[in-house]
């Protein structure tokens, strides 16, 4: 009698020898995009969202990039570099705004909002502090899908654009301080850092976040003595570990801070508030105790500033004196170095655009990528940001529920 197990094995082998249905890998159909890069017309916004290298990479993938003439000039990327990279230089914003995806730095102004077409995708800064209900109403009516730079997260759940611009602002703040400290009119005619036989410059940094860390790193590199204050011991410890050297750190004790400010050549305000408005940390009476010709750089001015004497300034008129202390309070420090800042933005957004294309469209990428999904505040005209909905009393839909319904 034949063994049942042997019979089963024989049948299984025979079945495998029979012709089988071919199983093919199901691939997602790639989409081709038209990407528009308008010229920034916001006052003193000198950055551009895509640089020629990014345009070249996108063009080689079969995407069309429309760049408005002069869009990169302020960042030292001339038009001919874009055309040589495969981009198409156009001479009116109307032509740019015919694109599938609009990529810019500053939020749309009223004229640009009128140029938006139904069902377009917008990637730009949101800047909630300067927005009003009308901005969102217009985009809602046009069924736009909009992503805010400062809301997008990466794989580590950090904010890549905010971090990149903060790193640039922290480094640049020290070089700005060095420039004004050496000035006979605004500073003390003093070289920043240290020199043989002369005591080093003293730099006080308020805030141990990304801006504070990179400011401290640059100041130490130039030979300065650095003191960092923050209310979070965790942030102070992290900063010290990242710097790799032991520096003076302290919680924000008013007496200790005041004593340090009295001898400081430079004080950097680098306090960031998740709520959108920085607390006023330094009152006018404390600034009166500082040396004449010392420098304040208020990086927090875009959130209202952390010095009582701060008021917003511009790149064309960046400083003023109060109590003998020079204040630099330009909200958009990264625009002071637009070439570098533009390259940093380009390096973040080119991979996102390529992912949009490889996934078959913005909807597919939003559904798949949690970090990008967090940047969406409008999806096909529906508000998906609870804070925007509450602030302007607009109807809200959870993006997770919308994605669950997406097929």
Protein backbone atom coordinates (compact mmCIF):
# COMPACT_ATOMS: atom_id res chain seq x y z
CA UNK A 1 0.00 0.00 0.00
CA UNK A 2 1.37 3.40 -1.02
CA UNK A 3 2.35 5.75 1.80
CA UNK A 4 -0.26 8.64 1.96
CA UNK A 5 2.56 11.13 2.65
CA UNK A 6 4.41 10.02 -0.49
CA UNK A 7 1.22 10.38 -2.55
CA UNK A 8 0.72 13.93 -1.20
CA UNK A 9 4.31 14.83 -2.04
CA UNK A 10 3.93 13.42 -5.58
CA UNK A 11 0.75 15.47 -6.21
CA UNK A 12 2.32 18.63 -4.83
CA UNK A 13 5.36 18.21 -7.08
CA UNK A 14 3.14 17.60 -10.11
CA UNK A 15 1.13 20.74 -9.38
CA UNK A 16 4.29 22.82 -9.24
CA UNK A 17 5.39 21.42 -12.60
CA UNK A 18 2.14 22.55 -14.23
CA UNK A 19 2.16 25.93 -16.05
CA UNK A 20 1.56 28.68 -13.50
CA UNK A 21 0.01 32.13 -13.81
CA UNK A 22 2.76 34.74 -14.05
CA UNK A 23 2.80 37.12 -11.05
CA UNK A 24 3.97 40.57 -12.06
CA UNK A 25 5.03 43.30 -9.62
CA UNK A 26 2.43 46.04 -9.51
CA UNK A 27 4.20 49.36 -9.99
CA UNK A 28 2.76 52.78 -9.33
CA UNK A 29 2.53 54.88 -12.47
CA UNK A 30 4.84 57.87 -12.25
CA UNK A 31 3.38 61.28 -12.97
CA UNK A 32 4.98 64.16 -14.83
CA UNK A 33 4.65 67.57 -13.22
CA UNK A 34 4.86 71.17 -14.28
CA UNK A 35 6.52 73.09 -11.45
CA UNK A 36 6.28 76.88 -11.27
CA UNK A 37 8.82 79.07 -9.43
CA UNK A 38 7.54 82.67 -9.25
CA UNK A 39 9.73 85.67 -8.51
CA UNK A 40 9.44 86.64 -4.84
CA UNK A 41 7.86 90.08 -4.48
CA UNK A 42 7.58 90.22 -0.69
CA UNK A 43 9.68 93.05 0.74
CA UNK A 44 13.34 91.98 1.19
CA UNK A 45 12.68 88.31 0.46
CA UNK A 46 15.80 87.42 -1.50
CA UNK A 47 15.65 83.62 -1.42
CA UNK A 48 14.39 81.36 -4.20
CA UNK A 49 12.80 77.94 -3.66
CA UNK A 50 14.69 76.06 -6.40
CA UNK A 51 18.27 76.56 -7.58
CA UNK A 52 19.61 75.52 -11.01
CA UNK A 53 21.00 72.20 -9.71
CA UNK A 54 17.54 71.24 -8.50
CA UNK A 55 15.97 72.28 -11.79
CA UNK A 56 18.50 70.12 -13.64
CA UNK A 57 17.63 67.07 -11.54
CA UNK A 58 13.88 67.56 -12.03
CA UNK A 59 14.25 68.20 -15.76
CA UNK A 60 16.25 65.00 -16.25
CA UNK A 61 13.34 63.13 -14.67
CA UNK A 62 11.03 64.50 -17.36
CA UNK A 63 9.38 67.31 -15.37
CA UNK A 64 8.88 70.81 -16.71
CA UNK A 65 10.10 73.67 -14.52
CA UNK A 66 8.87 77.19 -15.27
CA UNK A 67 11.00 79.89 -13.63
CA UNK A 68 9.91 83.51 -13.73
CA UNK A 69 12.63 85.80 -15.09
CA UNK A 70 14.71 87.28 -12.27
CA UNK A 71 13.47 84.80 -9.66
CA UNK A 72 17.01 83.85 -8.61
CA UNK A 73 18.89 87.09 -9.23
CA UNK A 74 18.86 88.30 -5.61
CA UNK A 75 20.34 84.92 -4.58
CA UNK A 76 22.94 85.14 -7.39
CA UNK A 77 21.35 82.53 -9.63
CA UNK A 78 20.97 84.25 -13.03
CA UNK A 79 18.30 83.27 -15.57
CA UNK A 80 20.76 81.67 -18.00
CA UNK A 81 21.79 79.12 -15.34
CA UNK A 82 18.16 78.00 -15.03
CA UNK A 83 17.73 77.69 -18.80
CA UNK A 84 21.03 75.80 -19.13
CA UNK A 85 19.81 73.43 -16.39
CA UNK A 86 16.72 72.57 -18.46
CA UNK A 87 14.26 75.02 -16.96
CA UNK A 88 12.05 77.31 -19.02
CA UNK A 89 12.42 81.00 -18.16
CA UNK A 90 9.08 82.81 -18.57
CA UNK A 91 8.42 86.52 -18.37
CA UNK A 92 5.16 86.88 -16.48
CA UNK A 93 3.71 85.48 -13.25
CA UNK A 94 0.60 84.48 -15.21
CA UNK A 95 2.65 81.91 -17.13
CA UNK A 96 4.25 80.53 -13.96
CA UNK A 97 0.92 80.14 -12.20
CA UNK A 98 -0.37 77.81 -14.92
CA UNK A 99 1.80 75.06 -13.37
CA UNK A 100 0.52 72.01 -11.51
CA UNK A 101 2.63 72.83 -8.46
CA UNK A 102 3.62 76.32 -7.27
CA UNK A 103 6.82 76.41 -5.21
CA UNK A 104 7.78 79.68 -3.52
CA UNK A 105 9.30 81.01 -0.31
CA UNK A 106 6.97 83.70 1.05
CA UNK A 107 3.20 83.20 1.41
CA UNK A 108 0.98 84.27 -1.47
CA UNK A 109 -0.06 87.90 -1.60
CA UNK A 110 -3.49 88.99 -2.82
CA UNK A 111 -2.40 89.34 -6.47
CA UNK A 112 -0.80 85.89 -6.49
CA UNK A 113 -3.85 84.29 -4.90
CA UNK A 114 -5.98 85.54 -7.80
CA UNK A 115 -3.61 83.76 -10.20
CA UNK A 116 -4.03 80.39 -8.50
CA UNK A 117 -6.12 77.91 -10.49
CA UNK A 118 -8.52 75.27 -9.14
CA UNK A 119 -6.95 72.03 -7.89
CA UNK A 120 -3.39 73.35 -7.87
CA UNK A 121 -0.81 72.43 -5.23
CA UNK A 122 1.00 75.18 -3.31
CA UNK A 123 4.16 74.71 -1.26
CA UNK A 124 5.30 77.88 0.54
CA UNK A 125 5.74 79.35 3.99
CA UNK A 126 2.48 79.79 5.90
CA UNK A 127 3.49 82.44 8.47
CA UNK A 128 0.32 82.23 10.53
CA UNK A 129 1.10 85.49 12.35
CA UNK A 130 0.49 87.55 9.20
CA UNK A 131 -2.47 85.65 7.73
CA UNK A 132 -6.16 86.50 7.77
CA UNK A 133 -9.40 84.67 7.07
CA UNK A 134 -9.55 85.94 3.48
CA UNK A 135 -6.30 84.16 2.58
CA UNK A 136 -7.78 80.78 3.46
CA UNK A 137 -11.23 81.53 2.01
CA UNK A 138 -9.78 82.22 -1.45
CA UNK A 139 -7.69 79.03 -1.43
CA UNK A 140 -10.66 77.03 -0.14
CA UNK A 141 -12.86 78.27 -2.97
CA UNK A 142 -10.23 77.23 -5.51
CA UNK A 143 -9.93 73.73 -4.00
CA UNK A 144 -6.19 74.20 -3.53
CA UNK A 145 -3.98 71.71 -1.69
CA UNK A 146 -1.46 73.74 0.33
CA UNK A 147 1.57 72.76 2.41
CA UNK A 148 3.37 75.07 4.83
CA UNK A 149 7.19 74.99 4.96
CA UNK A 150 7.29 75.31 8.72
CA UNK A 151 4.81 72.45 9.27
CA UNK A 152 6.50 69.71 7.22
CA UNK A 153 8.34 67.04 9.20
CA UNK A 154 11.08 64.63 8.17
CA UNK A 155 11.66 60.97 9.06
CA UNK A 156 12.93 61.93 12.53
CA UNK A 157 9.75 64.01 13.17
CA UNK A 158 11.76 67.25 13.27
CA UNK A 159 11.01 70.27 11.08
CA UNK A 160 13.70 70.30 8.35
CA UNK A 161 13.01 73.79 6.95
CA UNK A 162 12.78 75.40 10.38
CA UNK A 163 15.96 73.65 11.46
CA UNK A 164 17.89 74.58 8.31
CA UNK A 165 16.91 78.26 8.53
CA UNK A 166 17.63 78.25 12.28
CA UNK A 167 21.11 76.85 11.70
CA UNK A 168 21.79 79.56 9.13
CA UNK A 169 20.35 82.27 11.40
CA UNK A 170 22.46 81.13 14.36
CA UNK A 171 25.72 81.19 12.41
CA UNK A 172 24.89 84.43 10.60
CA UNK A 173 23.91 86.19 13.84
CA UNK A 174 27.48 85.86 15.11
CA UNK A 175 29.00 87.27 11.91
CA UNK A 176 26.54 90.18 12.06
CA UNK A 177 27.54 90.79 15.68
CA UNK A 178 31.22 90.76 14.73
CA UNK A 179 30.58 93.32 11.99
CA UNK A 180 28.78 95.77 14.26
CA UNK A 181 31.05 95.23 17.27
CA UNK A 182 33.99 96.36 15.13
CA UNK A 183 32.12 99.46 13.90
CA UNK A 184 33.28 102.76 15.46
CA UNK A 185 29.74 104.15 15.11
CA UNK A 186 27.57 101.25 16.25
CA UNK A 187 30.01 99.11 18.23
CA UNK A 188 33.14 99.48 20.30
CA UNK A 189 35.75 99.22 17.55
CA UNK A 190 36.54 95.81 18.94
CA UNK A 191 37.59 92.66 17.09
CA UNK A 192 35.25 89.76 17.77
CA UNK A 193 36.81 86.73 19.42
CA UNK A 194 40.18 86.64 21.08
CA UNK A 195 43.68 87.94 20.50
CA UNK A 196 46.97 87.13 22.18
CA UNK A 197 47.33 89.09 25.40
CA UNK A 198 43.77 90.47 25.21
CA UNK A 199 40.70 89.03 26.89
CA UNK A 200 38.20 87.30 24.56
CA UNK A 201 34.84 88.75 23.56
CA UNK A 202 31.98 87.74 25.83
CA UNK A 203 28.82 86.42 24.18
CA UNK A 204 25.59 85.74 26.06
CA UNK A 205 23.04 83.53 24.27
CA UNK A 206 19.48 83.31 25.57
CA UNK A 207 17.94 80.08 24.32
CA UNK A 208 19.57 76.67 23.84
CA UNK A 209 17.65 75.55 20.74
CA UNK A 210 19.02 75.19 17.22
CA UNK A 211 19.71 78.92 16.78
CA UNK A 212 21.49 79.08 20.14
CA UNK A 213 23.54 75.97 19.43
CA UNK A 214 24.82 77.19 16.06
CA UNK A 215 25.45 80.69 17.39
CA UNK A 216 27.50 79.19 20.22
CA UNK A 217 29.42 76.98 17.80
CA UNK A 218 30.33 79.93 15.57
CA UNK A 219 31.26 82.19 18.50
CA UNK A 220 33.53 79.53 20.00
CA UNK A 221 35.15 79.02 16.63
CA UNK A 222 36.06 82.71 16.56
CA UNK A 223 37.57 82.54 20.04
CA UNK A 224 34.81 84.12 22.11
CA UNK A 225 33.80 83.18 25.65
CA UNK A 226 30.21 81.93 25.50
CA UNK A 227 27.48 81.77 28.15
CA UNK A 228 24.15 80.11 27.35
CA UNK A 229 20.93 80.55 29.34
CA UNK A 230 17.76 78.47 29.03
CA UNK A 231 15.01 77.28 31.36
CA UNK A 232 15.39 73.69 30.14
CA UNK A 233 18.26 71.73 31.69
CA UNK A 234 17.70 69.06 29.02
CA UNK A 235 18.31 71.58 26.19
CA UNK A 236 21.38 72.96 27.95
CA UNK A 237 22.81 69.46 28.37
CA UNK A 238 22.06 68.58 24.73
CA UNK A 239 23.71 71.79 23.50
CA UNK A 240 26.82 71.14 25.57
CA UNK A 241 27.05 67.56 24.30
CA UNK A 242 26.63 68.71 20.69
CA UNK A 243 29.32 71.37 21.07
CA UNK A 244 31.75 68.84 22.52
CA UNK A 245 33.25 71.36 24.96
CA UNK A 246 32.35 72.59 28.42
CA UNK A 247 30.92 76.10 28.42
CA UNK A 248 29.08 78.24 30.95
CA UNK A 249 25.40 77.25 31.06
CA UNK A 250 22.67 78.40 33.42
CA UNK A 251 18.95 78.37 33.88
CA UNK A 252 17.32 81.80 33.38
CA UNK A 253 18.05 83.19 36.83
CA UNK A 254 17.56 87.00 36.57
CA UNK A 255 20.47 87.93 38.84
CA UNK A 256 22.97 85.61 37.13
CA UNK A 257 21.77 86.73 33.68
CA UNK A 258 22.06 90.43 34.58
CA UNK A 259 25.63 90.03 35.85
CA UNK A 260 26.59 88.29 32.60
CA UNK A 261 24.92 90.99 30.48
CA UNK A 262 26.85 93.76 32.25
CA UNK A 263 30.16 92.47 30.86
CA UNK A 264 28.84 91.04 27.56
CA UNK A 265 29.99 92.41 24.21
CA UNK A 266 27.15 90.61 22.41
CA UNK A 267 23.76 89.26 23.56
CA UNK A 268 21.86 86.93 21.22
CA UNK A 269 18.11 86.44 21.74
CA UNK A 270 17.30 82.95 20.44
CA UNK A 271 14.09 82.03 22.26
CA UNK A 272 11.55 80.12 20.19
CA UNK A 273 7.96 79.70 21.32
CA UNK A 274 5.79 76.89 19.91
CA UNK A 275 2.80 79.15 20.57
CA UNK A 276 4.02 81.66 17.98
CA UNK A 277 4.93 84.57 20.28
CA UNK A 278 8.20 84.79 22.19
CA UNK A 279 8.06 85.87 25.83
CA UNK A 280 9.78 89.15 26.72
CA UNK A 281 12.78 87.90 28.69
CA UNK A 282 14.87 91.08 29.06
CA UNK A 283 13.39 94.33 30.36
CA UNK A 284 14.70 97.79 29.56
CA UNK A 285 16.28 98.23 32.99
CA UNK A 286 18.57 95.25 32.32
CA UNK A 287 19.63 96.66 28.95
CA UNK A 288 20.56 99.97 30.62
CA UNK A 289 23.17 98.01 32.60
CA UNK A 290 24.95 96.85 29.43
CA UNK A 291 28.09 98.55 28.14
CA UNK A 292 27.81 101.32 25.55
CA UNK A 293 28.55 99.94 22.10
CA UNK A 294 27.57 96.37 22.98
CA UNK A 295 25.38 94.51 20.49
CA UNK A 296 21.98 92.83 20.75
CA UNK A 297 20.88 90.45 17.98
CA UNK A 298 17.21 89.56 18.50
CA UNK A 299 16.69 86.45 16.35
CA UNK A 300 13.31 86.01 18.07
CA UNK A 301 11.94 89.23 16.54
CA UNK A 302 9.88 87.24 14.03
CA UNK A 303 7.85 86.07 17.06
CA UNK A 304 7.72 89.49 18.67
CA UNK A 305 11.19 89.58 20.20
CA UNK A 306 12.54 88.66 23.63
CA UNK A 307 13.92 92.13 24.52
CA UNK A 308 11.61 94.88 25.72
CA UNK A 309 13.48 97.44 23.60
CA UNK A 310 13.30 95.44 20.35
CA UNK A 311 11.32 96.56 17.34
CA UNK A 312 11.44 95.04 13.83
CA UNK A 313 14.01 96.45 11.42
CA UNK A 314 14.84 95.75 7.77
CA UNK A 315 17.89 94.63 5.82
CA UNK A 316 18.18 98.16 4.39
CA UNK A 317 18.02 99.74 7.88
CA UNK A 318 18.94 96.88 10.19
CA UNK A 319 20.02 98.57 13.43
CA UNK A 320 19.10 101.24 15.94
CA UNK A 321 20.52 102.30 19.30
CA UNK A 322 18.65 102.19 22.59
CA UNK A 323 20.34 102.96 25.95
CA UNK A 324 23.65 103.06 24.07
CA UNK A 325 23.22 99.45 22.90
CA UNK A 326 22.99 98.61 19.19
CA UNK A 327 19.93 96.46 18.37
CA UNK A 328 19.77 94.28 15.23
CA UNK A 329 16.15 93.11 14.85
CA UNK A 330 15.67 91.90 11.26
CA UNK A 331 13.00 89.16 11.21
CA UNK A 332 14.35 87.27 8.20
CA UNK A 333 18.06 86.82 8.93
CA UNK A 334 18.40 83.89 6.48
CA UNK A 335 17.65 86.28 3.60
CA UNK A 336 20.91 88.06 4.40
CA UNK A 337 22.68 85.03 2.90
CA UNK A 338 20.18 84.10 0.15
CA UNK A 339 22.55 81.96 -1.91
CA UNK A 340 23.18 79.57 0.97
CA UNK A 341 19.59 79.68 2.25
CA UNK A 342 18.19 78.97 -1.22
CA UNK A 343 20.43 75.94 -1.63
CA UNK A 344 19.28 74.66 1.75
CA UNK A 345 15.61 75.00 0.73
CA UNK A 346 16.32 73.35 -2.62
CA UNK A 347 17.91 70.34 -0.90
CA UNK A 348 14.76 69.81 1.16
CA UNK A 349 12.13 70.30 -1.52
CA UNK A 350 13.60 68.57 -4.57
CA UNK A 351 13.33 65.12 -2.89
CA UNK A 352 9.73 65.89 -1.89
CA UNK A 353 8.83 66.84 -5.47
CA UNK A 354 10.49 63.68 -6.80
CA UNK A 355 8.50 61.64 -4.28
CA UNK A 356 5.27 63.31 -5.44
CA UNK A 357 6.05 62.18 -8.96
CA UNK A 358 7.18 58.65 -8.10
CA UNK A 359 4.09 58.07 -5.93
CA UNK A 360 1.80 59.13 -8.76
CA UNK A 361 0.66 62.48 -7.37
CA UNK A 362 0.42 64.65 -4.28
CA UNK A 363 -2.55 62.71 -2.88
CA UNK A 364 -0.62 59.43 -2.87
CA UNK A 365 2.41 60.99 -1.22
CA UNK A 366 0.31 62.70 1.46
CA UNK A 367 -1.33 59.37 2.25
CA UNK A 368 1.99 57.51 2.43
CA UNK A 369 4.33 60.04 4.07
CA UNK A 370 3.33 61.09 7.59
CA UNK A 371 5.87 63.94 7.71
CA UNK A 372 4.62 65.54 4.50
CA UNK A 373 1.04 64.98 5.65
CA UNK A 374 1.73 67.11 8.73
CA UNK A 375 2.59 70.01 6.44
CA UNK A 376 -0.85 70.04 4.79
CA UNK A 377 -3.14 72.80 6.04
CA UNK A 378 -5.50 72.71 3.03
CA UNK A 379 -6.50 69.57 1.15
CA UNK A 380 -8.60 70.12 -1.96
CA UNK A 381 -9.99 73.25 -0.37
CA UNK A 382 -10.67 71.70 3.04
CA UNK A 383 -8.96 73.11 6.13
CA UNK A 384 -6.96 70.32 7.80
CA UNK A 385 -5.24 72.43 10.47
CA UNK A 386 -7.19 72.58 13.72
CA UNK A 387 -5.38 75.75 14.86
CA UNK A 388 -6.33 77.59 11.64
CA UNK A 389 -9.90 76.37 11.95
CA UNK A 390 -10.21 77.63 15.53
CA UNK A 391 -8.45 80.93 14.89
CA UNK A 392 -10.59 81.94 11.90
CA UNK A 393 -13.74 79.92 12.65
CA UNK A 394 -13.43 77.86 9.47
CA UNK A 395 -14.78 74.32 8.88
CA UNK A 396 -12.25 71.60 9.70
CA UNK A 397 -11.63 68.02 8.58
CA UNK A 398 -9.02 65.71 10.09
CA UNK A 399 -6.40 64.90 7.42
CA UNK A 400 -6.18 61.32 8.70
CA UNK A 401 -9.88 60.77 8.04
CA UNK A 402 -9.58 62.32 4.59
CA UNK A 403 -6.67 60.04 3.76
CA UNK A 404 -8.60 57.01 4.99
CA UNK A 405 -11.33 57.88 2.48
CA UNK A 406 -8.81 58.41 -0.35
CA UNK A 407 -8.51 55.53 -2.82
